[in-house]
């Protein structure tokens, strides 16, 4: 898989990948330093390539670098955290 650059769109509370004319993104609601992950969206044209997982890993690493915690609310992120116990240290 190609490497993508993670963009933190703070104005819209999103972590994004810009790929050609598409945007894959994770949305969150910041509640006192705990980011409640509300949606993980990958456009249909990019689905089936493991992009949601890569985006989630990059977003979790960025969140950890900021010293924040996460509370998964979207079904994808809940399942991701269950399958990737290394990231459970970020649960807040």
PDB file of N, CA and C in Angstrom:
ATOM      1  N   UNK A   1       0.850  -1.185   0.000  1.00  0.00           N
ATOM      2  CA  UNK A   1       0.000   0.000   0.000  1.00  0.00           C
ATOM      3  C   UNK A   1       0.886   1.235   0.000  1.00  0.00           C
ATOM      4  N   UNK A   2       0.468   2.227  -0.708  1.00  0.00           N
ATOM      5  CA  UNK A   2       1.187   3.499  -0.728  1.00  0.00           C
ATOM      6  C   UNK A   2       1.109   4.154   0.644  1.00  0.00           C
ATOM      7  N   UNK A   3       2.076   5.003   0.901  1.00  0.00           N
ATOM      8  CA  UNK A   3       2.061   5.765   2.142  1.00  0.00           C
ATOM      9  C   UNK A   3       1.255   7.036   1.930  1.00  0.00           C
ATOM     10  N   UNK A   4       0.465   7.379   2.908  1.00  0.00           N
ATOM     11  CA  UNK A   4      -0.356   8.583   2.843  1.00  0.00           C
ATOM     12  C   UNK A   4       0.046   9.505   3.978  1.00  0.00           C
ATOM     13  N   UNK A   5      -0.150  10.789   3.775  1.00  0.00           N
ATOM     14  CA  UNK A   5       0.160  11.776   4.799  1.00  0.00           C
ATOM     15  C   UNK A   5      -1.105  12.098   5.579  1.00  0.00           C
ATOM     16  N   UNK A   6      -1.039  11.925   6.886  1.00  0.00           N
ATOM     17  CA  UNK A   6      -2.172  12.227   7.746  1.00  0.00           C
ATOM     18  C   UNK A   6      -2.279  13.732   7.929  1.00  0.00           C
ATOM     19  N   UNK A   7      -3.475  14.262   7.742  1.00  0.00           N
ATOM     20  CA  UNK A   7      -3.755  15.681   7.935  1.00  0.00           C
ATOM     21  C   UNK A   7      -4.695  15.805   9.129  1.00  0.00           C
ATOM     22  N   UNK A   8      -4.325  16.642  10.100  1.00  0.00           N
ATOM     23  CA  UNK A   8      -5.221  16.907  11.225  1.00  0.00           C
ATOM     24  C   UNK A   8      -5.993  18.179  10.917  1.00  0.00           C
ATOM     25  N   UNK A   9      -7.250  18.018  10.585  1.00  0.00           N
ATOM     26  CA  UNK A   9      -8.139  19.132  10.273  1.00  0.00           C
ATOM     27  C   UNK A   9      -8.841  19.522  11.577  1.00  0.00           C
ATOM     28  N   UNK A  10      -8.184  20.353  12.358  1.00  0.00           N
ATOM     29  CA  UNK A  10      -8.715  20.721  13.676  1.00  0.00           C
ATOM     30  C   UNK A  10     -10.019  21.499  13.585  1.00  0.00           C
ATOM     31  N   UNK A  11     -10.188  22.296  12.543  1.00  0.00           N
ATOM     32  CA  UNK A  11     -11.405  23.099  12.390  1.00  0.00           C
ATOM     33  C   UNK A  11     -12.646  22.219  12.281  1.00  0.00           C
ATOM     34  N   UNK A  12     -12.478  21.020  11.703  1.00  0.00           N
ATOM     35  CA  UNK A  12     -13.621  20.115  11.519  1.00  0.00           C
ATOM     36  C   UNK A  12     -13.526  18.867  12.387  1.00  0.00           C
ATOM     37  N   UNK A  13     -12.566  18.836  13.329  1.00  0.00           N
ATOM     38  CA  UNK A  13     -12.376  17.678  14.212  1.00  0.00           C
ATOM     39  C   UNK A  13     -12.237  16.382  13.422  1.00  0.00           C
ATOM     40  N   UNK A  14     -11.259  16.370  12.500  1.00  0.00           N
ATOM     41  CA  UNK A  14     -11.035  15.205  11.648  1.00  0.00           C
ATOM     42  C   UNK A  14      -9.547  14.916  11.500  1.00  0.00           C
ATOM     43  N   UNK A  15      -9.255  13.646  11.308  1.00  0.00           N
ATOM     44  CA  UNK A  15      -7.966  13.196  10.798  1.00  0.00           C
ATOM     45  C   UNK A  15      -8.251  12.686   9.399  1.00  0.00           C
ATOM     46  N   UNK A  16      -7.456  13.127   8.414  1.00  0.00           N
ATOM     47  CA  UNK A  16      -7.789  12.873   7.013  1.00  0.00           C
ATOM     48  C   UNK A  16      -6.598  12.364   6.211  1.00  0.00           C
ATOM     49  N   UNK A  17      -6.932  11.596   5.174  1.00  0.00           N
ATOM     50  CA  UNK A  17      -6.030  11.290   4.066  1.00  0.00           C
ATOM     51  C   UNK A  17      -6.661  11.914   2.835  1.00  0.00           C
ATOM     52  N   UNK A  18      -5.897  12.661   2.065  1.00  0.00           N
ATOM     53  CA  UNK A  18      -6.357  13.212   0.787  1.00  0.00           C
ATOM     54  C   UNK A  18      -5.723  12.359  -0.306  1.00  0.00           C
ATOM     55  N   UNK A  19      -6.553  11.646  -1.047  1.00  0.00           N
ATOM     56  CA  UNK A  19      -6.074  10.718  -2.073  1.00  0.00           C
ATOM     57  C   UNK A  19      -6.782  11.046  -3.377  1.00  0.00           C
ATOM     58  N   UNK A  20      -6.028  11.605  -4.312  1.00  0.00           N
ATOM     59  CA  UNK A  20      -6.605  12.084  -5.572  1.00  0.00           C
ATOM     60  C   UNK A  20      -7.752  13.031  -5.239  1.00  0.00           C
ATOM     61  N   UNK A  21      -8.945  12.761  -5.741  1.00  0.00           N
ATOM     62  CA  UNK A  21     -10.087  13.640  -5.462  1.00  0.00           C
ATOM     63  C   UNK A  21     -10.899  13.168  -4.251  1.00  0.00           C
ATOM     64  N   UNK A  22     -10.397  12.176  -3.528  1.00  0.00           N
ATOM     65  CA  UNK A  22     -11.130  11.582  -2.405  1.00  0.00           C
ATOM     66  C   UNK A  22     -10.523  11.986  -1.064  1.00  0.00           C
ATOM     67  N   UNK A  23     -11.363  11.938  -0.038  1.00  0.00           N
ATOM     68  CA  UNK A  23     -10.895  12.152   1.331  1.00  0.00           C
ATOM     69  C   UNK A  23     -11.424  11.007   2.189  1.00  0.00           C
ATOM     70  N   UNK A  24     -10.515  10.284   2.826  1.00  0.00           N
ATOM     71  CA  UNK A  24     -10.872   9.297   3.843  1.00  0.00           C
ATOM     72  C   UNK A  24     -10.632   9.990   5.180  1.00  0.00           C
ATOM     73  N   UNK A  25     -11.519   9.767   6.152  1.00  0.00           N
ATOM     74  CA  UNK A  25     -11.363  10.524   7.393  1.00  0.00           C
ATOM     75  C   UNK A  25     -11.959   9.830   8.605  1.00  0.00           C
ATOM     76  N   UNK A  26     -11.491  10.287   9.757  1.00  0.00           N
ATOM     77  CA  UNK A  26     -12.010   9.904  11.066  1.00  0.00           C
ATOM     78  C   UNK A  26     -12.464  11.189  11.738  1.00  0.00           C
ATOM     79  N   UNK A  27     -13.680  11.186  12.270  1.00  0.00           N
ATOM     80  CA  UNK A  27     -14.170  12.358  12.991  1.00  0.00           C
ATOM     81  C   UNK A  27     -14.164  12.066  14.494  1.00  0.00           C
ATOM     82  N   UNK A  28     -14.043  13.144  15.263  1.00  0.00           N
ATOM     83  CA  UNK A  28     -14.020  12.995  16.712  1.00  0.00           C
ATOM     84  C   UNK A  28     -14.670  14.200  17.376  1.00  0.00           C
ATOM     85  N   UNK A  29     -15.028  14.006  18.631  1.00  0.00           N
ATOM     86  CA  UNK A  29     -15.537  15.067  19.492  1.00  0.00           C
ATOM     87  C   UNK A  29     -14.604  15.113  20.703  1.00  0.00           C
ATOM     88  N   UNK A  30     -13.905  16.224  20.888  1.00  0.00           N
ATOM     89  CA  UNK A  30     -12.957  16.357  21.991  1.00  0.00           C
ATOM     90  C   UNK A  30     -13.707  16.738  23.263  1.00  0.00           C
ATOM     91  N   UNK A  31     -13.702  15.816  24.223  1.00  0.00           N
ATOM     92  CA  UNK A  31     -14.361  16.057  25.504  1.00  0.00           C
ATOM     93  C   UNK A  31     -13.301  15.991  26.600  1.00  0.00           C
ATOM     94  N   UNK A  32     -12.777  17.157  26.947  1.00  0.00           N
ATOM     95  CA  UNK A  32     -11.783  17.284  28.025  1.00  0.00           C
ATOM     96  C   UNK A  32     -10.567  16.393  27.808  1.00  0.00           C
ATOM     97  N   UNK A  33     -10.022  16.409  26.592  1.00  0.00           N
ATOM     98  CA  UNK A  33      -8.814  15.649  26.305  1.00  0.00           C
ATOM     99  C   UNK A  33      -9.030  14.195  25.955  1.00  0.00           C
ATOM    100  N   UNK A  34     -10.280  13.778  25.894  1.00  0.00           N
ATOM    101  CA  UNK A  34     -10.616  12.430  25.427  1.00  0.00           C
ATOM    102  C   UNK A  34     -11.337  12.593  24.096  1.00  0.00           C
ATOM    103  N   UNK A  35     -10.735  12.048  23.036  1.00  0.00           N
ATOM    104  CA  UNK A  35     -11.346  12.160  21.712  1.00  0.00           C
ATOM    105  C   UNK A  35     -12.330  11.021  21.512  1.00  0.00           C
ATOM    106  N   UNK A  36     -13.602  11.367  21.451  1.00  0.00           N
ATOM    107  CA  UNK A  36     -14.658  10.391  21.184  1.00  0.00           C
ATOM    108  C   UNK A  36     -14.710  10.207  19.669  1.00  0.00           C
ATOM    109  N   UNK A  37     -14.253   9.046  19.195  1.00  0.00           N
ATOM    110  CA  UNK A  37     -14.181   8.768  17.760  1.00  0.00           C
ATOM    111  C   UNK A  37     -15.586   8.422  17.282  1.00  0.00           C
ATOM    112  N   UNK A  38     -16.138   9.274  16.408  1.00  0.00           N
ATOM    113  CA  UNK A  38     -17.546   9.132  16.022  1.00  0.00           C
ATOM    114  C   UNK A  38     -17.771   8.486  14.660  1.00  0.00           C
ATOM    115  N   UNK A  39     -16.844   8.649  13.727  1.00  0.00           N
ATOM    116  CA  UNK A  39     -17.011   8.055  12.394  1.00  0.00           C
ATOM    117  C   UNK A  39     -15.654   7.727  11.783  1.00  0.00           C
ATOM    118  N   UNK A  40     -15.625   6.656  11.016  1.00  0.00           N
ATOM    119  CA  UNK A  40     -14.483   6.324  10.160  1.00  0.00           C
ATOM    120  C   UNK A  40     -15.057   6.144   8.765  1.00  0.00           C
ATOM    121  N   UNK A  41     -14.644   7.004   7.838  1.00  0.00           N
ATOM    122  CA  UNK A  41     -15.230   7.020   6.494  1.00  0.00           C
ATOM    123  C   UNK A  41     -14.138   6.826   5.441  1.00  0.00           C
ATOM    124  N   UNK A  42     -14.336   5.830   4.589  1.00  0.00           N
ATOM    125  CA  UNK A  42     -13.471   5.604   3.430  1.00  0.00           C
ATOM    126  C   UNK A  42     -14.382   5.588   2.210  1.00  0.00           C
ATOM    127  N   UNK A  43     -14.125   6.443   1.224  1.00  0.00           N
ATOM    128  CA  UNK A  43     -14.960   6.464   0.018  1.00  0.00           C
ATOM    129  C   UNK A  43     -14.983   5.093  -0.670  1.00  0.00           C
ATOM    130  N   UNK A  44     -16.117   4.773  -1.278  1.00  0.00           N
ATOM    131  CA  UNK A  44     -16.271   3.488  -1.965  1.00  0.00           C
ATOM    132  C   UNK A  44     -15.142   3.218  -2.953  1.00  0.00           C
ATOM    133  N   UNK A  45     -14.686   4.243  -3.640  1.00  0.00           N
ATOM    134  CA  UNK A  45     -13.628   4.075  -4.648  1.00  0.00           C
ATOM    135  C   UNK A  45     -12.316   3.588  -4.034  1.00  0.00           C
ATOM    136  N   UNK A  46     -12.158   3.747  -2.721  1.00  0.00           N
ATOM    137  CA  UNK A  46     -10.920   3.360  -2.048  1.00  0.00           C
ATOM    138  C   UNK A  46     -11.098   2.173  -1.109  1.00  0.00           C
ATOM    139  N   UNK A  47     -12.295   1.610  -1.056  1.00  0.00           N
ATOM    140  CA  UNK A  47     -12.567   0.539  -0.100  1.00  0.00           C
ATOM    141  C   UNK A  47     -11.864  -0.755  -0.506  1.00  0.00           C
ATOM    142  N   UNK A  48     -11.674  -1.622   0.469  1.00  0.00           N
ATOM    143  CA  UNK A  48     -11.073  -2.920   0.223  1.00  0.00           C
ATOM    144  C   UNK A  48      -9.562  -2.919   0.119  1.00  0.00           C
ATOM    145  N   UNK A  49      -8.922  -1.827   0.498  1.00  0.00           N
ATOM    146  CA  UNK A  49      -7.463  -1.712   0.383  1.00  0.00           C
ATOM    147  C   UNK A  49      -6.774  -1.571   1.739  1.00  0.00           C
ATOM    148  N   UNK A  50      -7.518  -1.775   2.816  1.00  0.00           N
ATOM    149  CA  UNK A  50      -6.933  -1.646   4.144  1.00  0.00           C
ATOM    150  C   UNK A  50      -6.729  -0.214   4.591  1.00  0.00           C
ATOM    151  N   UNK A  51      -7.374   0.710   3.897  1.00  0.00           N
ATOM    152  CA  UNK A  51      -7.163   2.128   4.176  1.00  0.00           C
ATOM    153  C   UNK A  51      -7.721   2.547   5.536  1.00  0.00           C
ATOM    154  N   UNK A  52      -8.864   2.003   5.931  1.00  0.00           N
ATOM    155  CA  UNK A  52      -9.445   2.360   7.229  1.00  0.00           C
ATOM    156  C   UNK A  52      -8.496   1.975   8.361  1.00  0.00           C
ATOM    157  N   UNK A  53      -7.880   0.808   8.245  1.00  0.00           N
ATOM    158  CA  UNK A  53      -6.942   0.369   9.280  1.00  0.00           C
ATOM    159  C   UNK A  53      -5.723   1.285   9.328  1.00  0.00           C
ATOM    160  N   UNK A  54      -5.143   1.579   8.182  1.00  0.00           N
ATOM    161  CA  UNK A  54      -3.960   2.455   8.127  1.00  0.00           C
ATOM    162  C   UNK A  54      -4.291   3.838   8.681  1.00  0.00           C
ATOM    163  N   UNK A  55      -5.433   4.383   8.276  1.00  0.00           N
ATOM    164  CA  UNK A  55      -5.872   5.688   8.764  1.00  0.00           C
ATOM    165  C   UNK A  55      -6.040   5.667  10.280  1.00  0.00           C
ATOM    166  N   UNK A  56      -6.649   4.613  10.791  1.00  0.00           N
ATOM    167  CA  UNK A  56      -6.874   4.504  12.229  1.00  0.00           C
ATOM    168  C   UNK A  56      -5.552   4.392  12.983  1.00  0.00           C
ATOM    169  N   UNK A  57      -4.629   3.599  12.482  1.00  0.00           N
ATOM    170  CA  UNK A  57      -3.311   3.480  13.124  1.00  0.00           C
ATOM    171  C   UNK A  57      -2.610   4.834  13.154  1.00  0.00           C
ATOM    172  N   UNK A  58      -2.595   5.522  12.015  1.00  0.00           N
ATOM    173  CA  UNK A  58      -1.932   6.830  11.968  1.00  0.00           C
ATOM    174  C   UNK A  58      -2.606   7.837  12.897  1.00  0.00           C
ATOM    175  N   UNK A  59      -3.939   7.824  12.936  1.00  0.00           N
ATOM    176  CA  UNK A  59      -4.664   8.743  13.820  1.00  0.00           C
ATOM    177  C   UNK A  59      -4.376   8.425  15.285  1.00  0.00           C
ATOM    178  N   UNK A  60      -4.374   7.144  15.650  1.00  0.00           N
ATOM    179  CA  UNK A  60      -4.092   6.764  17.040  1.00  0.00           C
ATOM    180  C   UNK A  60      -2.679   7.193  17.446  1.00  0.00           C
ATOM    181  N   UNK A  61      -1.723   7.024  16.553  1.00  0.00           N
ATOM    182  CA  UNK A  61      -0.356   7.463  16.855  1.00  0.00           C
ATOM    183  C   UNK A  61      -0.291   8.978  17.035  1.00  0.00           C
ATOM    184  N   UNK A  62      -1.007   9.718  16.198  1.00  0.00           N
ATOM    185  CA  UNK A  62      -1.033  11.179  16.311  1.00  0.00           C
ATOM    186  C   UNK A  62      -1.708  11.614  17.612  1.00  0.00           C
ATOM    187  N   UNK A  63      -2.768  10.928  17.976  1.00  0.00           N
ATOM    188  CA  UNK A  63      -3.483  11.238  19.218  1.00  0.00           C
ATOM    189  C   UNK A  63      -2.571  10.984  20.418  1.00  0.00           C
ATOM    190  N   UNK A  64      -1.857   9.879  20.380  1.00  0.00           N
ATOM    191  CA  UNK A  64      -0.936   9.570  21.473  1.00  0.00           C
ATOM    192  C   UNK A  64       0.173  10.617  21.567  1.00  0.00           C
ATOM    193  N   UNK A  65       0.697  11.057  20.431  1.00  0.00           N
ATOM    194  CA  UNK A  65       1.736  12.094  20.427  1.00  0.00           C
ATOM    195  C   UNK A  65       1.243  13.388  21.057  1.00  0.00           C
ATOM    196  N   UNK A  66      -0.046  13.649  20.949  1.00  0.00           N
ATOM    197  CA  UNK A  66      -0.631  14.850  21.555  1.00  0.00           C
ATOM    198  C   UNK A  66      -0.930  14.650  23.037  1.00  0.00           C
ATOM    199  N   UNK A  67      -0.731  13.446  23.560  1.00  0.00           N
ATOM    200  CA  UNK A  67      -0.970  13.171  24.968  1.00  0.00           C
ATOM    201  C   UNK A  67      -2.439  13.030  25.318  1.00  0.00           C
ATOM    202  N   UNK A  68      -3.259  12.666  24.324  1.00  0.00           N
ATOM    203  CA  UNK A  68      -4.695  12.541  24.535  1.00  0.00           C
ATOM    204  C   UNK A  68      -5.104  11.081  24.617  1.00  0.00           C
ATOM    205  N   UNK A  69      -6.337  10.856  25.006  1.00  0.00           N
ATOM    206  CA  UNK A  69      -6.934   9.523  25.081  1.00  0.00           C
ATOM    207  C   UNK A  69      -8.077   9.443  24.077  1.00  0.00           C
ATOM    208  N   UNK A  70      -8.575   8.229  23.858  1.00  0.00           N
ATOM    209  CA  UNK A  70      -9.692   8.037  22.931  1.00  0.00           C
ATOM    210  C   UNK A  70     -10.812   7.246  23.589  1.00  0.00           C
ATOM    211  N   UNK A  71     -11.999   7.469  23.075  1.00  0.00           N
ATOM    212  CA  UNK A  71     -13.176   6.692  23.446  1.00  0.00           C
ATOM    213  C   UNK A  71     -13.862   6.321  22.134  1.00  0.00           C
ATOM    214  N   UNK A  72     -13.677   5.083  21.657  1.00  0.00           N
ATOM    215  CA  UNK A  72     -14.292   4.686  20.390  1.00  0.00           C
ATOM    216  C   UNK A  72     -15.810   4.661  20.490  1.00  0.00           C
ATOM    217  N   UNK A  73     -16.462   5.236  19.495  1.00  0.00           N
ATOM    218  CA  UNK A  73     -17.918   5.195  19.428  1.00  0.00           C
ATOM    219  C   UNK A  73     -18.413   4.611  18.112  1.00  0.00           C
ATOM    220  N   UNK A  74     -17.625   4.756  17.048  1.00  0.00           N
ATOM    221  CA  UNK A  74     -18.057   4.173  15.776  1.00  0.00           C
ATOM    222  C   UNK A  74     -17.702   2.688  15.779  1.00  0.00           C
ATOM    223  N   UNK A  75     -18.484   1.898  15.063  1.00  0.00           N
ATOM    224  CA  UNK A  75     -18.309   0.445  15.082  1.00  0.00           C
ATOM    225  C   UNK A  75     -16.933   0.020  14.577  1.00  0.00           C
ATOM    226  N   UNK A  76     -16.397   0.725  13.578  1.00  0.00           N
ATOM    227  CA  UNK A  76     -15.082   0.337  13.064  1.00  0.00           C
ATOM    228  C   UNK A  76     -14.013   0.502  14.139  1.00  0.00           C
ATOM    229  N   UNK A  77     -14.011   1.633  14.820  1.00  0.00           N
ATOM    230  CA  UNK A  77     -12.967   1.891  15.816  1.00  0.00           C
ATOM    231  C   UNK A  77     -13.118   0.982  17.031  1.00  0.00           C
ATOM    232  N   UNK A  78     -14.345   0.665  17.407  1.00  0.00           N
ATOM    233  CA  UNK A  78     -14.565  -0.283  18.503  1.00  0.00           C
ATOM    234  C   UNK A  78     -13.930  -1.625  18.140  1.00  0.00           C
ATOM    235  N   UNK A  79     -14.217  -2.124  16.931  1.00  0.00           N
ATOM    236  CA  UNK A  79     -13.658  -3.405  16.485  1.00  0.00           C
ATOM    237  C   UNK A  79     -12.137  -3.327  16.359  1.00  0.00           C
ATOM    238  N   UNK A  80     -11.629  -2.213  15.856  1.00  0.00           N
ATOM    239  CA  UNK A  80     -10.178  -2.027  15.724  1.00  0.00           C
ATOM    240  C   UNK A  80      -9.500  -2.154  17.081  1.00  0.00           C
ATOM    241  N   UNK A  81     -10.040  -1.502  18.090  1.00  0.00           N
ATOM    242  CA  UNK A  81      -9.431  -1.536  19.420  1.00  0.00           C
ATOM    243  C   UNK A  81      -9.467  -2.950  20.002  1.00  0.00           C
ATOM    244  N   UNK A  82     -10.536  -3.691  19.734  1.00  0.00           N
ATOM    245  CA  UNK A  82     -10.624  -5.069  20.223  1.00  0.00           C
ATOM    246  C   UNK A  82      -9.570  -5.953  19.554  1.00  0.00           C
ATOM    247  N   UNK A  83      -9.296  -5.713  18.272  1.00  0.00           N
ATOM    248  CA  UNK A  83      -8.352  -6.538  17.508  1.00  0.00           C
ATOM    249  C   UNK A  83      -6.901  -6.090  17.661  1.00  0.00           C
ATOM    250  N   UNK A  84      -6.683  -4.913  18.202  1.00  0.00           N
ATOM    251  CA  UNK A  84      -5.339  -4.341  18.323  1.00  0.00           C
ATOM    252  C   UNK A  84      -5.075  -3.905  19.762  1.00  0.00           C
ATOM    253  N   UNK A  85      -4.828  -4.866  20.644  1.00  0.00           N
ATOM    254  CA  UNK A  85      -4.682  -4.531  22.064  1.00  0.00           C
ATOM    255  C   UNK A  85      -3.552  -3.555  22.370  1.00  0.00           C
ATOM    256  N   UNK A  86      -2.566  -3.433  21.475  1.00  0.00           N
ATOM    257  CA  UNK A  86      -1.480  -2.476  21.717  1.00  0.00           C
ATOM    258  C   UNK A  86      -1.991  -1.044  21.827  1.00  0.00           C
ATOM    259  N   UNK A  87      -3.114  -0.758  21.189  1.00  0.00           N
ATOM    260  CA  UNK A  87      -3.654   0.602  21.220  1.00  0.00           C
ATOM    261  C   UNK A  87      -4.618   0.826  22.389  1.00  0.00           C
ATOM    262  N   UNK A  88      -4.927  -0.218  23.139  1.00  0.00           N
ATOM    263  CA  UNK A  88      -5.869  -0.063  24.249  1.00  0.00           C
ATOM    264  C   UNK A  88      -5.318   0.839  25.349  1.00  0.00           C
ATOM    265  N   UNK A  89      -4.012   1.081  25.336  1.00  0.00           N
ATOM    266  CA  UNK A  89      -3.414   2.017  26.308  1.00  0.00           C
ATOM    267  C   UNK A  89      -3.948   3.433  26.123  1.00  0.00           C
ATOM    268  N   UNK A  90      -4.554   3.702  24.964  1.00  0.00           N
ATOM    269  CA  UNK A  90      -5.085   5.036  24.682  1.00  0.00           C
ATOM    270  C   UNK A  90      -6.516   5.227  25.163  1.00  0.00           C
ATOM    271  N   UNK A  91      -7.140   4.156  25.632  1.00  0.00           N
ATOM    272  CA  UNK A  91      -8.534   4.276  26.067  1.00  0.00           C
ATOM    273  C   UNK A  91      -8.636   5.180  27.285  1.00  0.00           C
ATOM    274  N   UNK A  92      -9.604   6.087  27.221  1.00  0.00           N
ATOM    275  CA  UNK A  92      -9.770   7.025  28.326  1.00  0.00           C
ATOM    276  C   UNK A  92     -11.190   7.121  28.781  1.00  0.00           C
TER     277      UNK A  92
END
